[in-house]
Amino acid sequence: MEENKDLDLRAEELALKEEELMKRVEELNKKEEKLNKIEAKFVGAKHSIYQHIDVSLSTMDKVVSAIAIVLVAVIIYAVIAK
């Protein structure tokens, strides 16, 4: 009798844990879907901007990186010169 009660308690605990895990999986799937949508928007925006300029994507990435580096250098120079 006591063993049956212990088994019933364990089965209930396992069922509760399984339900909790299923909720977590569902939440993670929702978050992953949201992140995928955001990533798709970003990549789409990047390609739509680059399609107007006739250079490769990697070349444009290098140009944007160089401009960002120059901008940071100018800001640092302005702070130091102040």
Protein backbone atom coordinates (compact mmCIF):
# COMPACT_ATOMS: atom_id res chain seq x y z
CA MET A 1 0.00 0.00 0.00
CA GLU A 2 2.67 2.43 0.98
CA GLU A 3 4.63 1.67 -2.18
CA ASN A 4 1.56 2.43 -4.29
CA LYS A 5 1.18 5.80 -2.56
CA ASP A 6 4.86 6.57 -3.18
CA LEU A 7 4.49 5.59 -6.82
CA ASP A 8 1.37 7.73 -7.17
CA LEU A 9 3.19 10.70 -5.63
CA ARG A 10 6.14 10.22 -7.94
CA ALA A 11 3.83 9.94 -10.95
CA GLU A 12 2.10 13.17 -9.92
CA GLU A 13 5.45 14.92 -9.45
CA LEU A 14 6.62 13.71 -12.83
CA ALA A 15 3.39 14.89 -14.45
CA LEU A 16 3.79 18.34 -12.88
CA LYS A 17 7.41 18.55 -13.98
CA GLU A 18 6.47 17.46 -17.48
CA GLU A 19 3.76 20.12 -17.65
CA GLU A 20 6.21 22.76 -16.43
CA LEU A 21 8.79 21.68 -19.01
CA MET A 22 6.20 21.80 -21.78
CA LYS A 23 5.32 25.37 -20.78
CA ARG A 24 8.99 26.32 -20.85
CA VAL A 25 9.44 24.72 -24.27
CA GLU A 26 6.43 26.64 -25.56
CA GLU A 27 7.82 29.91 -24.20
CA LEU A 28 11.22 29.22 -25.75
CA ASN A 29 9.61 28.45 -29.10
CA LYS A 30 7.73 31.75 -28.98
CA LYS A 31 10.94 33.64 -28.15
CA GLU A 32 12.82 31.87 -30.94
CA GLU A 33 10.08 32.74 -33.42
CA LYS A 34 10.17 36.37 -32.32
CA LEU A 35 13.97 36.51 -32.71
CA ASN A 36 13.75 34.91 -36.15
CA LYS A 37 11.26 37.57 -37.26
CA ILE A 38 13.52 40.35 -35.99
CA GLU A 39 16.53 38.82 -37.72
CA ALA A 40 14.59 38.48 -40.97
CA LYS A 41 13.61 42.15 -40.83
CA PHE A 42 17.22 43.19 -40.20
CA VAL A 43 18.63 41.06 -43.01
CA GLY A 44 15.86 42.21 -45.33
CA ALA A 45 16.59 45.86 -44.56
CA LYS A 46 20.29 45.33 -45.10
CA HIS A 47 19.75 43.74 -48.50
CA SER A 48 17.21 46.35 -49.58
CA ILE A 49 19.67 49.14 -48.77
CA TYR A 50 22.54 47.39 -50.55
CA GLN A 51 20.55 46.54 -53.68
CA HIS A 52 20.61 50.17 -54.79
CA ILE A 53 24.41 50.20 -54.88
CA ASP A 54 26.13 47.93 -57.38
CA VAL A 55 28.79 46.31 -55.17
CA SER A 56 28.97 42.98 -53.39
CA LEU A 57 27.57 42.54 -49.91
CA SER A 58 30.98 41.86 -48.37
CA THR A 59 32.44 44.99 -49.96
CA MET A 60 29.59 47.10 -48.62
CA ASP A 61 30.09 45.57 -45.17
CA LYS A 62 33.73 46.63 -45.31
CA VAL A 63 32.76 50.17 -46.38
CA VAL A 64 30.24 50.48 -43.56
CA SER A 65 32.79 49.15 -41.06
CA ALA A 66 35.41 51.66 -42.28
CA ILE A 67 32.94 54.53 -41.97
CA ALA A 68 32.05 53.42 -38.43
CA ILE A 69 35.74 53.25 -37.46
CA VAL A 70 36.36 56.73 -38.87
CA LEU A 71 33.32 58.07 -37.01
CA VAL A 72 34.54 56.60 -33.71
CA ALA A 73 38.04 58.00 -34.32
CA VAL A 74 36.63 61.48 -34.99
CA ILE A 75 34.52 61.36 -31.84
CA ILE A 76 37.54 60.28 -29.77
CA TYR A 77 39.65 63.05 -31.33
CA ALA A 78 36.93 65.61 -30.57
CA VAL A 79 36.76 64.51 -26.93
CA ILE A 80 40.54 64.63 -26.54
CA ALA A 81 40.91 67.97 -28.35
CA LYS A 82 38.25 69.53 -26.19
